[in-house]
Amino acid sequence: MNEPELDLLSRLWEEHIRARFPAHLRGQDIEGQDMVLLDADTAGCVSSSLSGPLDEKRRSILLGCLGALEKVVPSIGDEGGAIEYYERLREMAALAVELGNAKAG
């Protein structure tokens, strides 16, 4: 991953930690995914990826989260900025996976 992509991931992370979780998604499952848990698992892995390479367990969790995000984002309504919130989460997950691939290669 090049420096601009790492900068983008850092900027998206800063936006994400300032953003409010869409309240109407607390306790909601979409496409079989608990939306709070999906957010927490993805954010934890993204945060770890900014500090260094992910271990195999976190990388596996992040790949699972990315797949889940690809599935649920089209089903999320835009109430309370939910689409923007989860699209940003999906973009961060994809960038973190790329970052891990670059560090591994």
Protein backbone atom coordinates (compact mmCIF):
# COMPACT_ATOMS: atom_id res chain seq x y z
CA MET A 1 0.00 0.00 0.00
CA ASN A 2 1.34 3.41 -0.80
CA GLU A 3 1.42 6.40 1.50
CA PRO A 4 -1.74 8.07 0.07
CA GLU A 5 -3.76 4.92 0.82
CA LEU A 6 -2.42 4.77 4.37
CA ASP A 7 -3.26 8.46 4.79
CA LEU A 8 -6.78 7.79 3.49
CA LEU A 9 -7.24 4.93 5.96
CA SER A 10 -6.06 7.18 8.80
CA ARG A 11 -8.45 9.98 7.76
CA LEU A 12 -11.36 7.58 7.45
CA TRP A 13 -10.53 6.16 10.88
CA GLU A 14 -10.55 9.64 12.42
CA GLU A 15 -13.95 10.31 10.83
CA HIS A 16 -15.26 6.99 12.07
CA ILE A 17 -14.28 7.44 15.68
CA ARG A 18 -16.01 10.84 15.69
CA ALA A 19 -19.17 9.51 14.04
CA ARG A 20 -22.19 8.39 16.01
CA PHE A 21 -23.36 4.85 15.60
CA PRO A 22 -26.79 4.85 13.89
CA ALA A 23 -29.02 4.39 16.94
CA HIS A 24 -31.78 2.61 15.05
CA LEU A 25 -29.37 -0.23 14.22
CA ARG A 26 -28.69 -1.13 17.87
CA GLY A 27 -30.04 -4.62 18.41
CA GLN A 28 -30.71 -5.06 14.68
CA ASP A 29 -29.66 -7.96 12.50
CA ILE A 30 -29.38 -7.42 8.76
CA GLU A 31 -28.67 -10.36 6.50
CA GLY A 32 -27.94 -12.38 9.65
CA GLN A 33 -25.36 -9.88 10.95
CA ASP A 34 -25.59 -8.13 14.32
CA MET A 35 -24.87 -4.56 13.26
CA VAL A 36 -23.20 -3.49 16.51
CA LEU A 37 -20.93 -6.54 16.54
CA LEU A 38 -20.05 -6.05 12.87
CA ASP A 39 -19.07 -2.45 13.60
CA ALA A 40 -17.04 -3.39 16.68
CA ASP A 41 -15.19 -6.30 15.05
CA THR A 42 -14.36 -4.30 11.93
CA ALA A 43 -13.28 -1.22 13.86
CA GLY A 44 -11.07 -3.27 16.17
CA CYS A 45 -9.25 -4.87 13.25
CA VAL A 46 -8.90 -1.56 11.39
CA SER A 47 -7.49 0.08 14.51
CA SER A 48 -4.99 -2.76 14.92
CA SER A 49 -3.97 -2.52 11.26
CA LEU A 50 -3.00 1.12 11.75
CA SER A 51 -0.52 0.02 14.43
CA GLY A 52 1.13 -2.74 12.43
CA PRO A 53 0.51 -5.99 10.57
CA LEU A 54 -2.50 -8.00 11.65
CA ASP A 55 -1.98 -11.46 13.06
CA GLU A 56 -3.68 -14.32 11.24
CA LYS A 57 -6.68 -14.33 13.60
CA ARG A 58 -7.43 -10.62 13.15
CA ARG A 59 -6.83 -10.85 9.41
CA SER A 60 -9.35 -13.69 9.21
CA ILE A 61 -11.87 -11.68 11.27
CA LEU A 62 -11.35 -8.64 9.05
CA LEU A 63 -11.86 -10.64 5.86
CA GLY A 64 -15.08 -12.05 7.32
CA CYS A 65 -16.22 -8.55 8.26
CA LEU A 66 -15.47 -7.26 4.78
CA GLY A 67 -17.57 -10.03 3.26
CA ALA A 68 -20.40 -9.30 5.68
CA LEU A 69 -20.23 -5.57 4.94
CA GLU A 70 -20.44 -6.26 1.20
CA LYS A 71 -23.62 -8.23 1.91
CA VAL A 72 -25.35 -5.88 4.37
CA VAL A 73 -24.58 -2.41 3.00
CA PRO A 74 -27.08 -2.68 0.12
CA SER A 75 -29.80 -3.62 2.66
CA ILE A 76 -29.23 -0.70 5.04
CA GLY A 77 -31.69 2.18 4.96
CA ASP A 78 -30.24 5.68 5.12
CA GLU A 79 -31.97 6.68 8.35
CA GLY A 80 -29.55 8.51 10.63
CA GLY A 81 -26.65 8.38 8.17
CA ALA A 82 -26.42 4.59 8.38
CA ILE A 83 -25.37 4.14 4.75
CA GLU A 84 -22.49 6.59 5.06
CA TYR A 85 -21.43 5.03 8.37
CA TYR A 86 -21.29 1.47 7.02
CA GLU A 87 -19.87 2.42 3.61
CA ARG A 88 -16.99 4.12 5.43
CA LEU A 89 -16.55 1.00 7.56
CA ARG A 90 -16.48 -1.14 4.41
CA GLU A 91 -13.92 1.15 2.75
CA MET A 92 -11.70 1.05 5.84
CA ALA A 93 -11.90 -2.74 5.97
CA ALA A 94 -10.88 -3.01 2.31
CA LEU A 95 -7.97 -0.59 2.81
CA ALA A 96 -6.81 -2.45 5.92
CA VAL A 97 -6.85 -5.74 3.99
CA GLU A 98 -4.77 -4.10 1.23
CA LEU A 99 -2.39 -2.72 3.84
CA GLY A 100 -1.97 -6.20 5.27
CA ASN A 101 -1.35 -7.65 1.81
CA ALA A 102 1.31 -5.02 1.09
CA LYS A 103 3.05 -5.65 4.42
CA ALA A 104 2.97 -9.41 3.86
CA GLY A 105 4.35 -9.13 0.32
